[in-house]
C-alpha cells in the first residue's frame, strides 16, 4: 500500500506544465548515444535542446507542454536551464538547453 502511495505521489500534475514548447526540428544525435536533439520555440525565442536519455528515436514535430525544472544563472552572462516535457501518455522527459538562436 505504501508503494502505491509513493508511485501515485510521483505522477506528474498536468497543471504544473504551463509552458508551451513548439518543436520545429527533431534529430537523433548519434555522437551522443542516440539523444534527441531539438530546435524549439519557447515564448517566441528559439533554442536548441537535447535529451538526457539515449532514446534513439525522433520526437514528433508538435507543441508540447513543459515546465522549467532548472534555471541556474551564476552570472549575468551564463545560464543552465532544463525543461521537462509532459507527453500525452503522462510520461515525462527532461531536455537541457544547449543553444540560443537569434
N, C-alpha and C. Protein backbone atom coordinates (compact mmCIF):
# COMPACT_ATOMS: atom_id res chain seq x y z
N UNK A 1 0.83 -1.18 0.00
CA UNK A 1 0.00 0.00 0.00
C UNK A 1 0.87 1.25 0.00
N UNK A 2 1.95 1.25 0.76
CA UNK A 2 2.85 2.39 0.81
C UNK A 2 3.49 2.63 -0.55
N UNK A 3 3.88 1.57 -1.26
CA UNK A 3 4.47 1.73 -2.59
C UNK A 3 3.49 2.36 -3.56
N UNK A 4 2.24 1.99 -3.47
CA UNK A 4 1.22 2.58 -4.34
C UNK A 4 1.09 4.07 -4.07
N UNK A 5 1.16 4.46 -2.81
CA UNK A 5 1.07 5.88 -2.45
C UNK A 5 2.27 6.65 -2.95
N UNK A 6 3.45 6.06 -2.87
CA UNK A 6 4.67 6.71 -3.35
C UNK A 6 4.62 6.86 -4.87
N UNK A 7 4.21 5.80 -5.56
CA UNK A 7 4.13 5.85 -7.02
C UNK A 7 3.12 6.90 -7.46
N UNK A 8 1.99 6.99 -6.78
CA UNK A 8 0.97 7.96 -7.13
C UNK A 8 1.45 9.39 -6.86
N UNK A 9 2.22 9.58 -5.80
CA UNK A 9 2.71 10.90 -5.45
C UNK A 9 3.69 11.43 -6.49
N UNK A 10 4.35 10.55 -7.22
CA UNK A 10 5.32 11.00 -8.20
C UNK A 10 4.72 11.22 -9.59
N UNK A 11 3.41 10.94 -9.75
CA UNK A 11 2.75 11.19 -11.02
C UNK A 11 2.79 12.68 -11.33
N UNK A 12 3.12 13.03 -12.58
CA UNK A 12 3.16 14.46 -12.92
C UNK A 12 1.76 15.07 -12.90
N UNK A 13 1.69 16.32 -12.45
CA UNK A 13 0.42 17.05 -12.44
C UNK A 13 0.38 17.93 -13.69
N UNK A 14 -0.53 17.67 -14.61
CA UNK A 14 -0.59 18.46 -15.85
C UNK A 14 -0.68 19.96 -15.62
N UNK A 15 -1.26 20.38 -14.51
CA UNK A 15 -1.38 21.82 -14.24
C UNK A 15 -0.04 22.47 -13.96
N UNK A 16 0.99 21.69 -13.65
CA UNK A 16 2.34 22.23 -13.43
C UNK A 16 3.06 22.54 -14.74
N UNK A 17 2.57 22.01 -15.85
CA UNK A 17 3.24 22.13 -17.14
C UNK A 17 2.57 23.25 -17.94
N UNK A 18 2.94 24.48 -17.64
CA UNK A 18 2.25 25.66 -18.17
C UNK A 18 2.94 26.28 -19.39
N UNK A 19 4.12 25.80 -19.73
CA UNK A 19 4.88 26.36 -20.85
C UNK A 19 4.58 25.54 -22.10
N UNK A 20 4.29 26.22 -23.20
CA UNK A 20 4.11 25.54 -24.48
C UNK A 20 5.42 25.60 -25.25
N UNK A 21 5.93 24.44 -25.62
CA UNK A 21 7.17 24.33 -26.40
C UNK A 21 6.79 23.81 -27.78
N UNK A 22 7.14 24.60 -28.81
CA UNK A 22 6.91 24.15 -30.18
C UNK A 22 8.19 23.54 -30.72
N UNK A 23 8.16 22.26 -31.04
CA UNK A 23 9.32 21.58 -31.63
C UNK A 23 9.25 21.81 -33.14
N UNK A 24 10.27 22.51 -33.68
CA UNK A 24 10.29 22.84 -35.11
C UNK A 24 11.25 21.94 -35.89
N UNK A 25 12.17 21.27 -35.20
CA UNK A 25 13.09 20.32 -35.84
C UNK A 25 13.48 19.27 -34.81
N UNK A 26 13.64 18.03 -35.28
CA UNK A 26 13.98 16.92 -34.41
C UNK A 26 15.03 16.06 -35.10
N UNK A 27 16.12 15.78 -34.37
CA UNK A 27 17.22 14.98 -34.92
C UNK A 27 17.66 13.97 -33.87
N UNK A 28 18.29 12.89 -34.35
CA UNK A 28 18.94 11.96 -33.44
C UNK A 28 20.42 12.30 -33.45
N UNK A 29 20.96 12.60 -32.28
CA UNK A 29 22.39 12.93 -32.15
C UNK A 29 23.14 11.64 -31.87
N UNK A 30 23.62 10.99 -32.93
CA UNK A 30 24.29 9.69 -32.78
C UNK A 30 25.57 9.80 -31.97
N UNK A 31 26.29 10.92 -32.09
CA UNK A 31 27.52 11.09 -31.31
C UNK A 31 27.21 11.11 -29.82
N UNK A 32 25.98 11.41 -29.50
CA UNK A 32 25.57 11.47 -28.09
C UNK A 32 24.71 10.26 -27.73
N UNK A 33 25.00 9.11 -28.33
CA UNK A 33 24.35 7.85 -27.99
C UNK A 33 22.85 7.85 -28.25
N UNK A 34 22.41 8.49 -29.33
CA UNK A 34 21.00 8.47 -29.69
C UNK A 34 20.15 9.47 -28.94
N UNK A 35 20.75 10.53 -28.43
CA UNK A 35 19.98 11.57 -27.74
C UNK A 35 19.08 12.28 -28.74
N UNK A 36 17.98 12.83 -28.26
CA UNK A 36 17.11 13.64 -29.10
C UNK A 36 17.63 15.08 -29.08
N UNK A 37 17.84 15.63 -30.26
CA UNK A 37 18.36 16.98 -30.46
C UNK A 37 17.25 17.79 -31.11
N UNK A 38 16.76 18.83 -30.44
CA UNK A 38 15.59 19.56 -30.91
C UNK A 38 15.89 21.04 -31.14
N UNK A 39 15.23 21.61 -32.15
CA UNK A 39 15.11 23.05 -32.28
C UNK A 39 13.69 23.37 -31.83
N UNK A 40 13.57 24.34 -30.91
CA UNK A 40 12.26 24.64 -30.35
C UNK A 40 12.04 26.14 -30.29
N UNK A 41 10.78 26.51 -30.10
CA UNK A 41 10.40 27.89 -29.86
C UNK A 41 9.64 27.91 -28.54
N UNK A 42 10.14 28.76 -27.61
CA UNK A 42 9.51 28.93 -26.30
C UNK A 42 9.30 30.43 -26.12
N UNK A 43 8.07 30.85 -25.95
CA UNK A 43 7.75 32.28 -25.78
C UNK A 43 8.37 33.13 -26.88
N UNK A 44 8.33 32.65 -28.11
CA UNK A 44 8.81 33.40 -29.25
C UNK A 44 10.32 33.39 -29.44
N UNK A 45 11.06 32.71 -28.57
CA UNK A 45 12.52 32.63 -28.67
C UNK A 45 12.93 31.23 -29.12
N UNK A 46 13.99 31.16 -29.92
CA UNK A 46 14.47 29.89 -30.46
C UNK A 46 15.61 29.33 -29.60
N UNK A 47 15.51 28.02 -29.33
CA UNK A 47 16.51 27.34 -28.52
C UNK A 47 16.85 25.99 -29.14
N UNK A 48 18.00 25.47 -28.76
CA UNK A 48 18.38 24.10 -29.04
C UNK A 48 18.30 23.32 -27.75
N UNK A 49 17.64 22.17 -27.78
CA UNK A 49 17.51 21.31 -26.60
C UNK A 49 18.04 19.93 -26.93
N UNK A 50 18.54 19.24 -25.92
CA UNK A 50 18.97 17.85 -26.10
C UNK A 50 18.50 17.05 -24.89
N UNK A 51 18.08 15.82 -25.16
CA UNK A 51 17.58 14.97 -24.08
C UNK A 51 18.73 14.43 -23.26
N UNK A 52 18.42 14.06 -22.03
CA UNK A 52 19.40 13.41 -21.15
C UNK A 52 19.42 11.91 -21.39
N UNK A 53 18.40 11.38 -22.04
CA UNK A 53 18.26 9.94 -22.25
C UNK A 53 18.61 9.57 -23.68
N UNK A 54 19.22 8.44 -23.86
CA UNK A 54 19.52 7.94 -25.20
C UNK A 54 18.33 7.21 -25.77
N UNK A 55 17.33 7.95 -26.24
CA UNK A 55 16.08 7.38 -26.73
C UNK A 55 16.27 6.72 -28.09
N UNK A 56 17.08 7.34 -28.97
CA UNK A 56 17.35 6.79 -30.29
C UNK A 56 16.18 6.88 -31.26
N UNK A 57 15.23 7.78 -30.99
CA UNK A 57 14.08 7.97 -31.87
C UNK A 57 13.82 9.46 -32.04
N UNK A 58 13.17 9.80 -33.15
CA UNK A 58 12.80 11.19 -33.38
C UNK A 58 11.57 11.55 -32.56
N UNK A 59 11.55 12.75 -32.03
CA UNK A 59 10.36 13.28 -31.37
C UNK A 59 9.54 13.97 -32.45
N UNK A 60 8.25 13.71 -32.49
CA UNK A 60 7.38 14.30 -33.50
C UNK A 60 7.37 15.82 -33.38
N UNK A 61 7.36 16.48 -34.54
CA UNK A 61 7.23 17.94 -34.56
C UNK A 61 5.82 18.28 -34.14
N UNK A 62 5.72 19.06 -33.05
CA UNK A 62 4.41 19.36 -32.47
C UNK A 62 4.60 20.36 -31.34
N UNK A 63 3.50 20.71 -30.69
CA UNK A 63 3.55 21.50 -29.46
C UNK A 63 3.46 20.56 -28.28
N UNK A 64 4.26 20.85 -27.24
CA UNK A 64 4.28 20.04 -26.03
C UNK A 64 4.16 20.94 -24.82
N UNK A 65 3.57 20.43 -23.76
CA UNK A 65 3.50 21.16 -22.50
C UNK A 65 4.78 20.84 -21.72
N UNK A 66 5.31 21.85 -21.04
CA UNK A 66 6.58 21.67 -20.32
C UNK A 66 6.60 22.55 -19.08
N UNK A 67 7.59 22.29 -18.26
CA UNK A 67 7.87 23.17 -17.13
C UNK A 67 9.38 23.32 -17.02
N UNK A 68 9.81 24.45 -16.51
CA UNK A 68 11.23 24.73 -16.29
C UNK A 68 11.60 24.14 -14.94
N UNK A 69 12.48 23.13 -14.94
CA UNK A 69 12.83 22.44 -13.70
C UNK A 69 14.19 22.87 -13.16
N UNK A 70 15.00 23.53 -13.98
CA UNK A 70 16.29 24.07 -13.52
C UNK A 70 16.51 25.37 -14.26
N UNK A 71 16.86 26.40 -13.50
CA UNK A 71 17.10 27.73 -14.07
C UNK A 71 18.22 28.38 -13.27
N UNK A 72 19.44 28.01 -13.58
CA UNK A 72 20.62 28.44 -12.83
C UNK A 72 21.36 29.53 -13.60
N UNK A 73 21.50 30.70 -12.97
CA UNK A 73 22.22 31.83 -13.56
C UNK A 73 23.29 32.26 -12.56
N UNK A 74 24.49 31.76 -12.74
CA UNK A 74 25.58 32.07 -11.81
C UNK A 74 26.23 33.41 -12.09
N UNK A 75 25.92 33.96 -13.26
CA UNK A 75 26.42 35.29 -13.61
C UNK A 75 25.40 35.92 -14.54
N UNK A 76 25.66 37.15 -14.96
CA UNK A 76 24.74 37.83 -15.87
C UNK A 76 24.85 37.31 -17.29
N UNK A 77 25.89 36.50 -17.58
CA UNK A 77 26.11 36.04 -18.95
C UNK A 77 26.07 34.52 -19.12
N UNK A 78 26.02 33.74 -18.05
CA UNK A 78 25.95 32.28 -18.13
C UNK A 78 24.62 31.79 -17.58
N UNK A 79 24.10 30.74 -18.20
CA UNK A 79 22.88 30.13 -17.67
C UNK A 79 22.88 28.64 -17.95
N UNK A 80 22.13 27.92 -17.13
CA UNK A 80 21.92 26.48 -17.31
C UNK A 80 20.44 26.23 -17.04
N UNK A 81 19.73 25.77 -18.06
CA UNK A 81 18.29 25.53 -17.93
C UNK A 81 17.93 24.12 -18.38
N UNK A 82 16.92 23.57 -17.72
CA UNK A 82 16.40 22.25 -18.07
C UNK A 82 14.87 22.34 -18.08
N UNK A 83 14.29 21.88 -19.18
CA UNK A 83 12.84 21.79 -19.30
C UNK A 83 12.42 20.34 -19.22
N UNK A 84 11.27 20.10 -18.58
CA UNK A 84 10.68 18.77 -18.55
C UNK A 84 9.40 18.79 -19.36
N UNK A 85 9.34 17.93 -20.38
CA UNK A 85 8.15 17.82 -21.22
C UNK A 85 7.19 16.81 -20.60
N UNK A 86 5.91 17.10 -20.72
CA UNK A 86 4.86 16.14 -20.34
C UNK A 86 4.19 15.68 -21.63
N UNK A 87 4.24 14.37 -21.87
CA UNK A 87 3.67 13.79 -23.08
C UNK A 87 2.22 13.37 -22.83
N UNK A 88 1.43 13.20 -23.90
CA UNK A 88 0.02 12.86 -23.73
C UNK A 88 -0.24 11.58 -22.92
N UNK A 89 0.71 10.65 -22.91
CA UNK A 89 0.52 9.42 -22.14
C UNK A 89 0.92 9.56 -20.68
N UNK A 90 1.28 10.78 -20.26
CA UNK A 90 1.64 11.03 -18.86
C UNK A 90 3.12 10.85 -18.56
N UNK A 91 3.90 10.38 -19.53
CA UNK A 91 5.34 10.24 -19.33
C UNK A 91 6.01 11.59 -19.47
N UNK A 92 7.20 11.72 -18.86
CA UNK A 92 7.96 12.95 -18.93
C UNK A 92 9.37 12.67 -19.42
N UNK A 93 10.02 13.72 -19.93
CA UNK A 93 11.41 13.62 -20.37
C UNK A 93 12.05 14.99 -20.20
N UNK A 94 13.26 15.00 -19.67
CA UNK A 94 13.98 16.26 -19.47
C UNK A 94 14.87 16.58 -20.67
N UNK A 95 14.96 17.87 -20.97
CA UNK A 95 15.79 18.37 -22.06
C UNK A 95 16.61 19.54 -21.55
N UNK A 96 17.92 19.48 -21.79
CA UNK A 96 18.83 20.58 -21.43
C UNK A 96 18.83 21.61 -22.56
N UNK A 97 18.87 22.88 -22.18
CA UNK A 97 19.04 23.94 -23.17
C UNK A 97 20.52 23.97 -23.54
N UNK A 98 20.81 23.72 -24.82
CA UNK A 98 22.20 23.68 -25.29
C UNK A 98 22.49 24.74 -26.34
N UNK A 99 21.49 25.56 -26.64
CA UNK A 99 21.72 26.61 -27.62
C UNK A 99 20.65 27.66 -27.59
N UNK A 100 21.06 28.90 -27.92
CA UNK A 100 20.14 30.01 -28.12
C UNK A 100 20.33 30.48 -29.55
N UNK A 101 19.23 30.72 -30.23
CA UNK A 101 19.29 31.08 -31.64
C UNK A 101 18.57 32.41 -31.82
N UNK A 102 19.21 33.31 -32.54
CA UNK A 102 18.60 34.63 -32.75
C UNK A 102 17.79 34.63 -34.01
